Structure formats: C-alpha cells, structure tokens
C-alpha atoms as a PDB file:
ATOM      1  CA  MET A   1      18.002   5.857   3.325  1.00  0.00           C
ATOM      2  CA  ARG A   2      17.527   2.128   3.992  1.00  0.00           C
ATOM      3  CA  ILE A   3      14.898   0.059   2.593  1.00  0.00           C
ATOM      4  CA  ALA A   4      13.864  -3.057   5.057  1.00  0.00           C
ATOM      5  CA  VAL A   5      12.599  -6.269   2.142  1.00  0.00           C
ATOM      6  CA  ASP A   6      10.720  -9.039   3.380  1.00  0.00           C
ATOM      7  CA  ALA A   7      12.760 -11.694   0.899  1.00  0.00           C
ATOM      8  CA  MET A   8      10.711 -14.663   2.055  1.00  0.00           C
ATOM      9  CA  GLY A   9       6.779 -13.256   0.686  1.00  0.00           C
ATOM     10  CA  THR A  10       6.184 -13.886  -2.424  1.00  0.00           C
ATOM     11  CA  ASP A  11       4.983 -17.427  -4.276  1.00  0.00           C
ATOM     12  CA  ARG A  12       8.547 -16.869  -5.912  1.00  0.00           C
ATOM     13  CA  HIS A  13      10.342 -16.178  -2.564  1.00  0.00           C
ATOM     14  CA  PRO A  14      13.776 -14.860  -2.292  1.00  0.00           C
ATOM     15  CA  ALA A  15      14.146 -14.651  -6.447  1.00  0.00           C
ATOM     16  CA  VAL A  16      11.182 -12.043  -7.293  1.00  0.00           C
ATOM     17  CA  GLU A  17      12.520  -9.837  -3.562  1.00  0.00           C
ATOM     18  CA  VAL A  18      15.840  -9.755  -4.415  1.00  0.00           C
ATOM     19  CA  GLU A  19      15.156  -8.457  -8.329  1.00  0.00           C
ATOM     20  CA  GLY A  20      12.957  -6.505  -7.549  1.00  0.00           C
ATOM     21  CA  ALA A  21      15.598  -4.670  -4.974  1.00  0.00           C
ATOM     22  CA  VAL A  22      18.492  -5.000  -8.021  1.00  0.00           C
ATOM     23  CA  GLY A  23      15.555  -3.009  -9.934  1.00  0.00           C
ATOM     24  CA  ALA A  24      14.797  -0.449  -7.484  1.00  0.00           C
ATOM     25  CA  LEU A  25      18.612   0.240  -6.641  1.00  0.00           C
ATOM     26  CA  ARG A  26      19.139   0.818 -10.251  1.00  0.00           C
ATOM     27  CA  GLU A  27      16.528   3.221 -10.830  1.00  0.00           C
ATOM     28  CA  LEU A  28      18.108   5.286  -6.827  1.00  0.00           C
ATOM     29  CA  PRO A  29      20.948   7.469  -6.539  1.00  0.00           C
ATOM     30  CA  GLU A  30      24.253   6.079  -5.319  1.00  0.00           C
ATOM     31  CA  ASP A  31      23.543   6.892  -1.279  1.00  0.00           C
ATOM     32  CA  PHE A  32      19.947   4.259  -1.079  1.00  0.00           C
ATOM     33  CA  GLN A  33      20.046   1.019   0.565  1.00  0.00           C
ATOM     34  CA  VAL A  34      18.018  -1.877   0.469  1.00  0.00           C
ATOM     35  CA  VAL A  35      18.276  -4.360   3.216  1.00  0.00           C
ATOM     36  CA  LEU A  36      16.988  -8.310   2.436  1.00  0.00           C
ATOM     37  CA  VAL A  37      15.778  -9.621   5.261  1.00  0.00           C
ATOM     38  CA  GLY A  38      15.440 -14.289   5.290  1.00  0.00           C
ATOM     39  CA  ASP A  39      17.289 -16.663   4.786  1.00  0.00           C
ATOM     40  CA  ALA A  40      20.580 -15.520   3.771  1.00  0.00           C
ATOM     41  CA  ASP A  41      21.284 -18.507   2.074  1.00  0.00           C
ATOM     42  CA  ARG A  42      18.708 -18.341  -0.394  1.00  0.00           C
ATOM     43  CA  ILE A  43      19.351 -14.718  -0.968  1.00  0.00           C
ATOM     44  CA  ARG A  44      22.771 -14.574  -1.650  1.00  0.00           C
ATOM     45  CA  ALA A  45      22.065 -17.450  -4.178  1.00  0.00           C
ATOM     46  CA  GLU A  46      19.956 -15.420  -6.527  1.00  0.00           C
ATOM     47  CA  LEU A  47      22.341 -12.697  -5.940  1.00  0.00           C
ATOM     48  CA  THR A  48      24.919 -14.512  -7.493  1.00  0.00           C
ATOM     49  CA  ARG A  49      22.614 -15.793 -10.012  1.00  0.00           C
ATOM     50  CA  LEU A  50      22.118 -12.164 -10.484  1.00  0.00           C
ATOM     51  CA  GLY A  51      25.600 -10.829 -10.554  1.00  0.00           C
ATOM     52  CA  GLU A  52      25.463  -8.543  -8.101  1.00  0.00           C
ATOM     53  CA  THR A  53      27.296 -10.456  -5.066  1.00  0.00           C
ATOM     54  CA  GLY A  54      29.333  -7.376  -4.524  1.00  0.00           C
ATOM     55  CA  ASN A  55      26.727  -4.853  -4.362  1.00  0.00           C
ATOM     56  CA  GLU A  56      27.129  -2.765  -1.483  1.00  0.00           C
ATOM     57  CA  ARG A  57      24.086  -1.075  -1.699  1.00  0.00           C
ATOM     58  CA  LEU A  58      22.285  -4.475  -0.947  1.00  0.00           C
ATOM     59  CA  ALA A  59      22.754  -5.881   3.297  1.00  0.00           C
ATOM     60  CA  VAL A  60      21.220  -9.114   3.656  1.00  0.00           C
ATOM     61  CA  ILE A  61      19.463 -10.006   7.377  1.00  0.00           C
ATOM     62  CA  HIS A  62      19.590 -13.237   7.791  1.00  0.00           C
ATOM     63  CA  ALA A  63      15.915 -14.573   9.678  1.00  0.00           C
ATOM     64  CA  THR A  64      15.176 -17.786  10.118  1.00  0.00           C
ATOM     65  CA  GLN A  65      11.480 -18.650  10.422  1.00  0.00           C
ATOM     66  CA  ARG A  66       9.079 -17.101   7.581  1.00  0.00           C
ATOM     67  CA  ILE A  67       4.929 -16.935   8.754  1.00  0.00           C
ATOM     68  CA  GLU A  68       3.146 -19.085   5.667  1.00  0.00           C
ATOM     69  CA  PRO A  69       0.000 -17.869   4.433  1.00  0.00           C
ATOM     70  CA  GLY A  70      -2.478 -19.122   6.529  1.00  0.00           C
ATOM     71  CA  GLU A  71      -1.497 -18.997   9.445  1.00  0.00           C
ATOM     72  CA  ALA A  72      -3.228 -17.082  12.512  1.00  0.00           C
ATOM     73  CA  PRO A  73      -1.540 -13.742  12.235  1.00  0.00           C
ATOM     74  CA  ALA A  74      -1.477 -12.184  15.866  1.00  0.00           C
ATOM     75  CA  ALA A  75      -0.400 -15.516  16.962  1.00  0.00           C
ATOM     76  CA  ALA A  76       2.164 -16.252  14.127  1.00  0.00           C
ATOM     77  CA  VAL A  77       3.674 -12.826  14.932  1.00  0.00           C
ATOM     78  CA  ARG A  78       4.525 -14.117  18.713  1.00  0.00           C
ATOM     79  CA  ARG A  79       5.095 -17.163  18.047  1.00  0.00           C
ATOM     80  CA  LYS A  80       7.587 -16.766  15.168  1.00  0.00           C
ATOM     81  CA  PRO A  81       9.868 -13.363  16.404  1.00  0.00           C
ATOM     82  CA  ASP A  82      12.889 -14.626  14.130  1.00  0.00           C
ATOM     83  CA  SER A  83      10.709 -14.234  11.422  1.00  0.00           C
ATOM     84  CA  SER A  84      11.209 -12.117   8.325  1.00  0.00           C
ATOM     85  CA  ILE A  85       8.398 -10.088   8.527  1.00  0.00           C
ATOM     86  CA  VAL A  86       9.026  -9.714  12.630  1.00  0.00           C
ATOM     87  CA  VAL A  87      12.788  -9.001  11.907  1.00  0.00           C
ATOM     88  CA  GLY A  88      12.353  -6.637   9.061  1.00  0.00           C
ATOM     89  CA  LEU A  89       9.903  -4.573  11.097  1.00  0.00           C
ATOM     90  CA  ASN A  90      12.369  -4.728  14.180  1.00  0.00           C
ATOM     91  CA  LEU A  91      14.716  -2.830  12.206  1.00  0.00           C
ATOM     92  CA  GLU A  92      12.325   0.474  10.955  1.00  0.00           C
ATOM     93  CA  LYS A  93      11.236   0.365  14.781  1.00  0.00           C
ATOM     94  CA  ALA A  94      15.526   0.637  15.579  1.00  0.00           C
ATOM     95  CA  GLY A  95      16.208   3.169  12.956  1.00  0.00           C
ATOM     96  CA  GLU A  96      18.186   0.720  11.009  1.00  0.00           C
ATOM     97  CA  ALA A  97      15.642   0.876   7.969  1.00  0.00           C
ATOM     98  CA  ASP A  98      13.334   3.972   6.978  1.00  0.00           C
ATOM     99  CA  ALA A  99      10.336   2.201   5.359  1.00  0.00           C
ATOM    100  CA  PHE A 100       9.658  -2.226   5.670  1.00  0.00           C
ATOM    101  CA  VAL A 101       7.766  -3.722   2.015  1.00  0.00           C
ATOM    102  CA  SER A 102       6.539  -7.192   2.363  1.00  0.00           C
ATOM    103  CA  ALA A 103       4.469  -9.493  -0.392  1.00  0.00           C
ATOM    104  CA  GLY A 104       3.711 -12.185   2.773  1.00  0.00           C
ATOM    105  CA  SER A 105       0.777 -12.593   4.759  1.00  0.00           C
ATOM    106  CA  THR A 106      -0.671  -9.251   4.527  1.00  0.00           C
ATOM    107  CA  GLY A 107      -2.860 -10.105   8.119  1.00  0.00           C
ATOM    108  CA  ALA A 108       0.768 -10.855   9.589  1.00  0.00           C
ATOM    109  CA  VAL A 109       2.220  -7.535   7.943  1.00  0.00           C
ATOM    110  CA  MET A 110      -0.766  -5.678   9.318  1.00  0.00           C
ATOM    111  CA  ALA A 111      -0.343  -7.248  12.613  1.00  0.00           C
ATOM    112  CA  ALA A 112       3.295  -6.913  13.636  1.00  0.00           C
ATOM    113  CA  SER A 113       3.003  -3.633  12.421  1.00  0.00           C
ATOM    114  CA  LEU A 114       0.422  -2.897  14.826  1.00  0.00           C
ATOM    115  CA  PHE A 115       2.335  -4.468  17.349  1.00  0.00           C
ATOM    116  CA  ILE A 116       5.836  -3.256  16.726  1.00  0.00           C
ATOM    117  CA  LEU A 117       5.250   0.396  15.035  1.00  0.00           C
ATOM    118  CA  ARG A 118       2.602   0.831  17.363  1.00  0.00           C
ATOM    119  CA  PRO A 119      -0.944   2.899  15.951  1.00  0.00           C
ATOM    120  CA  LEU A 120       0.579   7.222  15.783  1.00  0.00           C
ATOM    121  CA  PRO A 121      -1.071   8.327  18.943  1.00  0.00           C
ATOM    122  CA  GLY A 122      -5.073   9.335  18.329  1.00  0.00           C
ATOM    123  CA  VAL A 123      -5.236   7.016  15.282  1.00  0.00           C
ATOM    124  CA  ASP A 124      -7.548   3.967  16.510  1.00  0.00           C
ATOM    125  CA  ARG A 125      -7.857   2.346  13.917  1.00  0.00           C
ATOM    126  CA  PRO A 126      -4.623   2.179  10.746  1.00  0.00           C
ATOM    127  CA  ALA A 127      -6.298   2.031   7.336  1.00  0.00           C
ATOM    128  CA  VAL A 128      -4.643  -0.066   4.789  1.00  0.00           C
ATOM    129  CA  ALA A 129      -4.684   2.398   1.579  1.00  0.00           C
ATOM    130  CA  THR A 130      -4.839   0.418  -2.058  1.00  0.00           C
ATOM    131  CA  VAL A 131      -4.362   3.219  -4.998  1.00  0.00           C
ATOM    132  CA  LEU A 132      -6.741   2.544  -7.748  1.00  0.00           C
ATOM    133  CA  PRO A 133      -6.468   3.708 -11.476  1.00  0.00           C
ATOM    134  CA  THR A 134      -9.276   5.681 -13.064  1.00  0.00           C
ATOM    135  CA  ALA A 135      -9.416   8.315 -16.147  1.00  0.00           C
ATOM    136  CA  ALA A 136      -7.801  10.919 -14.400  1.00  0.00           C
ATOM    137  CA  GLY A 137      -4.559   9.536 -12.799  1.00  0.00           C
ATOM    138  CA  PRO A 138      -4.395   6.440  -9.841  1.00  0.00           C
ATOM    139  CA  VAL A 139      -6.821   7.285  -6.798  1.00  0.00           C
ATOM    140  CA  VAL A 140      -5.919   6.386  -3.024  1.00  0.00           C
ATOM    141  CA  MET A 141      -8.419   4.205  -1.243  1.00  0.00           C
ATOM    142  CA  LEU A 142      -8.836   3.539   2.348  1.00  0.00           C
ATOM    143  CA  ASP A 143      -9.660   1.354   4.358  1.00  0.00           C
ATOM    144  CA  ALA A 144      -9.231  -1.709   1.729  1.00  0.00           C
ATOM    145  CA  GLY A 145      -9.787  -4.447   4.111  1.00  0.00           C
ATOM    146  CA  ALA A 146      -8.018  -4.031   7.442  1.00  0.00           C
ATOM    147  CA  ASN A 147     -11.263  -2.462   9.541  1.00  0.00           C
ATOM    148  CA  VAL A 148     -14.784  -4.420   8.410  1.00  0.00           C
ATOM    149  CA  ASP A 149     -16.647  -2.423  11.338  1.00  0.00           C
ATOM    150  CA  CYS A 150     -16.541   1.401  11.644  1.00  0.00           C
ATOM    151  CA  ARG A 151     -17.835   4.373  13.169  1.00  0.00           C
ATOM    152  CA  PRO A 152     -18.384   7.873  11.134  1.00  0.00           C
ATOM    153  CA  ALA A 153     -15.134   9.205  13.213  1.00  0.00           C
ATOM    154  CA  HIS A 154     -13.245   6.184  11.344  1.00  0.00           C
ATOM    155  CA  LEU A 155     -13.975   7.139   8.371  1.00  0.00           C
ATOM    156  CA  VAL A 156     -13.299  11.021   8.621  1.00  0.00           C
ATOM    157  CA  GLN A 157      -9.626   9.456   9.840  1.00  0.00           C
ATOM    158  CA  PHE A 158      -9.315   7.710   7.094  1.00  0.00           C
ATOM    159  CA  ALA A 159      -9.954  10.663   4.963  1.00  0.00           C
ATOM    160  CA  ARG A 160      -6.857  12.633   7.058  1.00  0.00           C
ATOM    161  CA  LEU A 161      -4.412   9.621   6.507  1.00  0.00           C
ATOM    162  CA  GLY A 162      -5.510   9.254   2.784  1.00  0.00           C
ATOM    163  CA  SER A 163      -5.068  13.245   2.638  1.00  0.00           C
ATOM    164  CA  VAL A 164      -1.887  13.337   3.514  1.00  0.00           C
ATOM    165  CA  TYR A 165      -0.580  10.020   1.471  1.00  0.00           C
ATOM    166  CA  ALA A 166      -2.497  11.429  -1.825  1.00  0.00           C
ATOM    167  CA  HIS A 167      -0.562  14.563  -1.241  1.00  0.00           C
ATOM    168  CA  ASP A 168       2.921  13.564  -0.366  1.00  0.00           C
ATOM    169  CA  VAL A 169       3.187  10.230  -2.324  1.00  0.00           C
ATOM    170  CA  LEU A 170       0.869  11.550  -5.199  1.00  0.00           C
ATOM    171  CA  GLY A 171       1.604  14.523  -5.342  1.00  0.00           C
ATOM    172  CA  ARG A 172      -1.983  16.227  -5.651  1.00  0.00           C
ATOM    173  CA  GLU A 173      -1.757  19.677  -3.608  1.00  0.00           C
ATOM    174  CA  ASP A 174      -5.565  19.774  -2.601  1.00  0.00           C
ATOM    175  CA  PRO A 175      -6.723  16.146  -2.434  1.00  0.00           C
ATOM    176  CA  ARG A 176     -10.444  15.767  -2.932  1.00  0.00           C
ATOM    177  CA  VAL A 177     -11.909  13.616  -0.727  1.00  0.00           C
ATOM    178  CA  GLY A 178     -14.695  11.415  -1.337  1.00  0.00           C
ATOM    179  CA  LEU A 179     -16.942   9.065   0.526  1.00  0.00           C
ATOM    180  CA  LEU A 180     -18.288   5.577  -1.059  1.00  0.00           C
ATOM    181  CA  ASN A 181     -22.562   5.883  -1.522  1.00  0.00           C
ATOM    182  CA  ILE A 182     -25.234   4.924  -3.463  1.00  0.00           C
ATOM    183  CA  GLY A 183     -26.244   7.923  -4.075  1.00  0.00           C
ATOM    184  CA  GLU A 184     -25.012  11.406  -4.371  1.00  0.00           C
ATOM    185  CA  GLU A 185     -27.235  12.812  -1.636  1.00  0.00           C
ATOM    186  CA  PRO A 186     -26.029  13.625   1.746  1.00  0.00           C
ATOM    187  CA  GLU A 187     -29.171  11.746   3.059  1.00  0.00           C
ATOM    188  CA  LYS A 188     -28.120   8.473   1.167  1.00  0.00           C
ATOM    189  CA  GLY A 189     -26.930   5.384   2.317  1.00  0.00           C
ATOM    190  CA  ASN A 190     -27.004   3.642   5.636  1.00  0.00           C
ATOM    191  CA  GLU A 191     -26.708   5.513   9.170  1.00  0.00           C
ATOM    192  CA  LEU A 192     -22.637   5.537   8.572  1.00  0.00           C
ATOM    193  CA  SER A 193     -22.509   7.166   5.206  1.00  0.00           C
ATOM    194  CA  VAL A 194     -25.208  10.111   6.520  1.00  0.00           C
ATOM    195  CA  GLU A 195     -22.934  10.376  10.114  1.00  0.00           C
ATOM    196  CA  ALA A 196     -19.674  10.435   7.991  1.00  0.00           C
ATOM    197  CA  TYR A 197     -21.057  12.749   5.323  1.00  0.00           C
ATOM    198  CA  ARG A 198     -22.015  15.105   7.874  1.00  0.00           C
ATOM    199  CA  ARG A 199     -18.732  14.778  10.070  1.00  0.00           C
ATOM    200  CA  LEU A 200     -16.387  15.194   6.917  1.00  0.00           C
ATOM    201  CA  GLN A 201     -18.990  18.205   5.791  1.00  0.00           C
ATOM    202  CA  GLY A 202     -17.438  19.846   8.880  1.00  0.00           C
ATOM    203  CA  THR A 203     -13.530  19.455   8.542  1.00  0.00           C
ATOM    204  CA  ASP A 204     -11.164  21.656   6.696  1.00  0.00           C
ATOM    205  CA  LEU A 205     -10.747  18.871   4.136  1.00  0.00           C
ATOM    206  CA  ASN A 206     -11.407  19.417   0.200  1.00  0.00           C
ATOM    207  CA  PHE A 207     -14.801  17.105   0.677  1.00  0.00           C
ATOM    208  CA  ILE A 208     -16.849  16.822  -2.331  1.00  0.00           C
ATOM    209  CA  GLY A 209     -19.330  14.556  -1.045  1.00  0.00           C
ATOM    210  CA  ASN A 210     -20.454  11.236  -1.745  1.00  0.00           C
ATOM    211  CA  VAL A 211     -19.202   9.557  -5.112  1.00  0.00           C
ATOM    212  CA  GLU A 212     -21.155   6.528  -6.580  1.00  0.00           C
ATOM    213  CA  GLY A 213     -19.903   3.540  -7.881  1.00  0.00           C
ATOM    214  CA  ARG A 214     -19.681   4.350 -11.636  1.00  0.00           C
ATOM    215  CA  GLN A 215     -17.877   7.566 -11.151  1.00  0.00           C
ATOM    216  CA  ILE A 216     -14.930   6.294  -9.636  1.00  0.00           C
ATOM    217  CA  ILE A 217     -13.274   5.274 -12.545  1.00  0.00           C
ATOM    218  CA  GLU A 218     -13.726   9.097 -13.960  1.00  0.00           C
ATOM    219  CA  GLY A 219     -11.030  10.394 -11.232  1.00  0.00           C
ATOM    220  CA  MET A 220     -14.226  12.555  -9.423  1.00  0.00           C
ATOM    221  CA  CYS A 221     -11.979  12.100  -6.692  1.00  0.00           C
ATOM    222  CA  ASP A 222      -8.448  11.868  -4.812  1.00  0.00           C
ATOM    223  CA  VAL A 223      -9.241   9.817  -1.668  1.00  0.00           C
ATOM    224  CA  LEU A 224     -12.019   7.603  -1.500  1.00  0.00           C
ATOM    225  CA  VAL A 225     -13.240   6.687   1.517  1.00  0.00           C
ATOM    226  CA  THR A 226     -15.245   3.674   2.987  1.00  0.00           C
ATOM    227  CA  ASP A 227     -15.106   0.860   5.460  1.00  0.00           C
ATOM    228  CA  GLY A 228     -12.794  -1.787   4.841  1.00  0.00           C
ATOM    229  CA  PHE A 229     -15.832  -4.759   4.112  1.00  0.00           C
ATOM    230  CA  ALA A 230     -17.108  -2.638   1.140  1.00  0.00           C
ATOM    231  CA  GLY A 231     -13.688  -1.515   0.466  1.00  0.00           C
ATOM    232  CA  ASN A 232     -12.170  -4.905  -0.192  1.00  0.00           C
ATOM    233  CA  VAL A 233     -15.103  -6.010  -2.443  1.00  0.00           C
ATOM    234  CA  LEU A 234     -14.263  -3.149  -4.723  1.00  0.00           C
ATOM    235  CA  LEU A 235     -10.805  -3.972  -4.623  1.00  0.00           C
ATOM    236  CA  LYS A 236     -11.001  -7.840  -5.640  1.00  0.00           C
ATOM    237  CA  PHE A 237     -13.255  -6.694  -8.190  1.00  0.00           C
ATOM    238  CA  TYR A 238     -10.986  -3.958  -9.708  1.00  0.00           C
ATOM    239  CA  GLU A 239      -8.362  -6.745  -9.770  1.00  0.00           C
ATOM    240  CA  SER A 240     -10.719  -9.124 -12.003  1.00  0.00           C
ATOM    241  CA  VAL A 241     -11.833  -5.839 -14.212  1.00  0.00           C
ATOM    242  CA  ALA A 242      -8.601  -5.018 -14.902  1.00  0.00           C
ATOM    243  CA  GLY A 243      -7.574  -8.884 -16.623  1.00  0.00           C
ATOM    244  CA  PHE A 244     -11.210  -8.860 -18.080  1.00  0.00           C
ATOM    245  CA  VAL A 245     -10.905  -5.617 -20.322  1.00  0.00           C
ATOM    246  CA  PHE A 246      -7.152  -6.298 -21.373  1.00  0.00           C
ATOM    247  CA  GLY A 247      -8.272  -9.885 -22.579  1.00  0.00           C
ATOM    248  CA  LEU A 248     -11.035  -8.160 -24.135  1.00  0.00           C
ATOM    249  CA  LEU A 249      -8.380  -5.788 -26.128  1.00  0.00           C
ATOM    250  CA  GLY A 250      -5.737  -8.577 -26.886  1.00  0.00           C
ATOM    251  CA  GLN A 251      -8.542 -10.124 -29.151  1.00  0.00           C
ATOM    252  CA  ASP A 252      -9.632  -7.420 -30.904  1.00  0.00           C
ATOM    253  CA  LEU A 253      -7.154  -4.478 -30.581  1.00  0.00           C
ATOM    254  CA  THR A 254      -5.214  -4.627 -34.094  1.00  0.00           C
ATOM    255  CA  GLY A 255      -2.948  -3.094 -36.847  1.00  0.00           C
ATOM    256  CA  ASP A 256      -0.773   0.068 -36.298  1.00  0.00           C
ATOM    257  CA  GLY A 257       0.085   0.606 -33.132  1.00  0.00           C
ATOM    258  CA  ALA A 258      -1.337  -1.849 -31.714  1.00  0.00           C
ATOM    259  CA  ASP A 259       1.468  -3.001 -29.520  1.00  0.00           C
ATOM    260  CA  GLU A 260       1.685  -0.051 -27.991  1.00  0.00           C
ATOM    261  CA  LYS A 261      -1.211   0.492 -27.247  1.00  0.00           C
ATOM    262  CA  LEU A 262      -2.420  -2.247 -25.281  1.00  0.00           C
ATOM    263  CA  GLU A 263       1.683  -1.652 -23.268  1.00  0.00           C
ATOM    264  CA  SER A 264      -0.029   1.731 -22.140  1.00  0.00           C
ATOM    265  CA  VAL A 265      -3.463   0.290 -20.991  1.00  0.00           C
ATOM    266  CA  ARG A 266      -2.053  -3.069 -19.309  1.00  0.00           C
ATOM    267  CA  ARG A 267      -0.017  -0.537 -17.328  1.00  0.00           C
ATOM    268  CA  MET A 268      -2.603   1.645 -16.282  1.00  0.00           C
ATOM    269  CA  LEU A 269      -4.308  -1.734 -15.147  1.00  0.00           C
ATOM    270  CA  ASP A 270      -1.402  -3.307 -13.314  1.00  0.00           C
ATOM    271  CA  TYR A 271      -1.578  -3.400  -9.999  1.00  0.00           C
ATOM    272  CA  ALA A 272       2.151  -3.925 -10.418  1.00  0.00           C
ATOM    273  CA  GLU A 273       2.315  -0.121 -11.227  1.00  0.00           C
ATOM    274  CA  TYR A 274       1.474   1.186  -7.762  1.00  0.00           C
ATOM    275  CA  GLY A 275       3.570   0.047  -5.386  1.00  0.00           C
ATOM    276  CA  GLY A 276       1.724  -2.024  -2.944  1.00  0.00           C
ATOM    277  CA  ALA A 277      -0.478  -0.876   0.030  1.00  0.00           C
ATOM    278  CA  PRO A 278       0.107   0.884   2.378  1.00  0.00           C
ATOM    279  CA  LEU A 279      -0.888   0.783   6.333  1.00  0.00           C
ATOM    280  CA  LEU A 280      -1.304   4.128   7.119  1.00  0.00           C
ATOM    281  CA  GLY A 281      -1.679   5.421  10.598  1.00  0.00           C
ATOM    282  CA  VAL A 282       1.351   3.554  12.306  1.00  0.00           C
ATOM    283  CA  ASN A 283       4.737   5.218  13.592  1.00  0.00           C
ATOM    284  CA  GLY A 284       6.225   3.861  10.881  1.00  0.00           C
ATOM    285  CA  ILE A 285       5.799   2.871   6.615  1.00  0.00           C
ATOM    286  CA  SER A 286       4.812  -0.730   6.173  1.00  0.00           C
ATOM    287  CA  ILE A 287       4.085  -1.740   2.280  1.00  0.00           C
ATOM    288  CA  ILE A 288       1.969  -4.630   2.002  1.00  0.00           C
ATOM    289  CA  CYS A 289       2.535  -5.843  -1.845  1.00  0.00           C
ATOM    290  CA  HIS A 290       0.643  -9.325  -3.570  1.00  0.00           C
ATOM    291  CA  GLY A 291       1.916 -12.578  -2.972  1.00  0.00           C
ATOM    292  CA  ASN A 292       1.915 -13.116  -6.458  1.00  0.00           C
ATOM    293  CA  SER A 293       3.516  -9.913  -7.389  1.00  0.00           C
ATOM    294  CA  PRO A 294       6.361 -10.230 -10.239  1.00  0.00           C
ATOM    295  CA  PRO A 295      10.004  -8.116  -9.142  1.00  0.00           C
ATOM    296  CA  ARG A 296       8.494  -4.366 -11.230  1.00  0.00           C
ATOM    297  CA  ALA A 297       5.726  -4.971  -7.902  1.00  0.00           C
ATOM    298  CA  ILE A 298       8.360  -4.876  -5.762  1.00  0.00           C
ATOM    299  CA  THR A 299      10.090  -2.169  -7.780  1.00  0.00           C
ATOM    300  CA  ASN A 300       7.263   0.102  -7.594  1.00  0.00           C
ATOM    301  CA  ALA A 301       6.534  -0.584  -3.831  1.00  0.00           C
ATOM    302  CA  ILE A 302      10.226   0.024  -2.632  1.00  0.00           C
ATOM    303  CA  LEU A 303      10.052   3.363  -4.881  1.00  0.00           C
ATOM    304  CA  ALA A 304       6.866   4.785  -3.046  1.00  0.00           C
ATOM    305  CA  ALA A 305       8.483   3.831   0.072  1.00  0.00           C
ATOM    306  CA  LEU A 306      11.317   5.759  -0.388  1.00  0.00           C
ATOM    307  CA  THR A 307       8.747   8.428  -1.762  1.00  0.00           C
ATOM    308  CA  ALA A 308       6.743   8.415   1.340  1.00  0.00           C
ATOM    309  CA  SER A 309       9.668   9.100   3.649  1.00  0.00           C
ATOM    310  CA  ASP A 310      11.746  11.721   1.218  1.00  0.00           C
ATOM    311  CA  ALA A 311       8.098  13.492   2.041  1.00  0.00           C
ATOM    312  CA  HIS A 312       7.996  12.571   5.697  1.00  0.00           C
ATOM    313  CA  MET A 313       4.674  11.433   5.296  1.00  0.00           C
ATOM    314  CA  VAL A 314       4.161   9.549   8.546  1.00  0.00           C
ATOM    315  CA  GLY A 315       5.640  13.276  10.269  1.00  0.00           C
ATOM    316  CA  HIS A 316       2.738  14.826   8.365  1.00  0.00           C
ATOM    317  CA  MET A 317       0.531  12.309   9.561  1.00  0.00           C
ATOM    318  CA  ARG A 318       0.934  12.523  13.165  1.00  0.00           C
ATOM    319  CA  HIS A 319       0.432  16.152  12.920  1.00  0.00           C
ATOM    320  CA  GLU A 320      -2.900  15.981  10.708  1.00  0.00           C
ATOM    321  CA  VAL A 321      -4.202  13.501  13.520  1.00  0.00           C
ATOM    322  CA  GLY A 322      -3.200  15.026  16.011  1.00  0.00           C
ATOM    323  CA  ILE A 323      -4.518  18.637  16.454  1.00  0.00           C
ATOM    324  CA  HIS A 324      -7.978  17.745  15.480  1.00  0.00           C
ATOM    325  CA  ALA A 325     -10.397  15.881  17.453  1.00  0.00           C
ATOM    326  CA  ASP A 326     -12.377  13.940  15.750  1.00  0.00           C
ATOM    327  CA  LEU A 327     -12.494  10.866  17.392  1.00  0.00           C
END
C-alpha cells in the first residue's frame, strides 16, 4: 500500500508533511509506504532532521513546481505540470500510489483530481465531503463547497456517495441520510430542497428526512446532504464555534481532571482529528487538508486514505452510482 503526499501544500511545507508522514508510518504495518512529492532536497533535509534518512518506507519523488495559494486553479494545473499536486495525482492514476493527500490549494487539488483521475461513470458533480463532530459521533457532510449551484439529482447523488463513505470509512452499518433544511416538514425550504426530499424519499437509502441546523450537533444523521453554498457556510461556522467553545472552557474549567476534560473536548472539536476532506465521486482517492494543518492532521489524512483504499471505497461508489439512474 502506497499513499502519495503532496509535501509542498501546507503553510509550513515540507516540515509539516514530512513529520505527518513519519507519524503515520509509526502507526501502520511494515508493508505500508508513503511517497513524499515535492522539492527533494528540502524533503530530505527534513527527513535528516527527524532521523529518518534510512527509512525504506519513505520514498521521495521530486517535483520542480508548486501551485501557490491564490493562483487560478485550472490554469495553474495546466501551466504547472510538474507541480507536487499534479505529479502526486499522476502517481495515483498510473497505479504507483493508492491514494493522494494534499494540504495545497483546495481549488487546484479539485481541478487536478477532475482532470487527472476523472469523475466516476455517471457522476456529474464530484463533491467535497467533510466530517463534523456531534454528540453522537462524527457526521459526514457534503457538499462542503465544490458545487454552489445544484440540482435535486445532484443532492441525491451526494447522498449515495456520502453513504458509501460513512459505511466504508466511518463504519456505519446502515447510514442515516438527512437533508439540511429550515424545517422538518417535506414541503419546507426552497424548490431544490422540496424536490430533493421527494427524490430521496423514493430511493433505497436510509433517508430520515429534513434536518434543521439545531439538530446537526445532536448527531441526528450519519450523512448530511446540502449544496456547496450552504455546506461551506456551515463548515466555516462550525470551525469558528469550535475555537470559541474551547476558549470558553479554558477559562472556566478548573479543578481535578480539568486538563483531561479539556483535552477530550479539544480532540472532539479539532479538525485535525478527522483526516481532511475527501473529494468523492472521482476515480480515485483524493483527500484535501487545511493549509494550516499540523502534522497530526496529515497523519490522520493518510490513515483515512488507507482506510478508504482498504475498504475498496471507490469501487463501491462506482457500483452504487452505476446501478441507480438518479440523474
């Protein structure tokens, strides 16, 4: 098993990526390998710093270019064929890696994944999935920003992709699918929501109906479906609330066991614990991390990529989408 990692993506590249890769290897079997893609001299310098120069489980592939934040994604992918993102995804396409992880430009990773891996047959709009913490365990939400304008059929497709991810990666036996809306009644919401509700109700998915914003944190569903506009707003609000709540607890939580309680809350709210956001619906595993990810986030993204590959997630998605004519 080989996971390709873009070593030039984070704000503190390649130190964060190299340390995250080393952390992943310490948690994984001996037959697992990480391929670090980027400036070979800088990557090897970090491996030397960490005392990992002789580790045969860490391979380095040189890439002469880096796609910078703020570059137009599609144009940058075409203009920089030797960028760490493009080289890493081409390794996966060629079968020389089983998955790809990057904390680089989200738009560039999405564009390159679409160009190189291509969408699965029958998938019209691949979606970014993200895991949200709730009182009942993590919930996968999609789309988190890839598709701002959607049709009802796209939301049904997101539900199918998300259900496979929840089953294969989160371990949910029969994932409950909820549709983000402003009320629980079927007729609530805009035209998109009403028609998506009707179509989801007619599928073989475990559709539980509309989910209001206040119900998300309760863990009412395993898969939360919405368009990329609302999903991205919700994701960023979630991230800001996590920091706010943790700050309040740090001020007020004292006494015996306070440190342990704070650490438990931090781990629940910290995005670094959830392994990045996979782009679902492409013919491969492509996981996108925050640009300011710490090493632990890279480690967890690698672990999530391995879980998805071991579970043959892409094949399951290909089958699930292929046998249903939702579009």
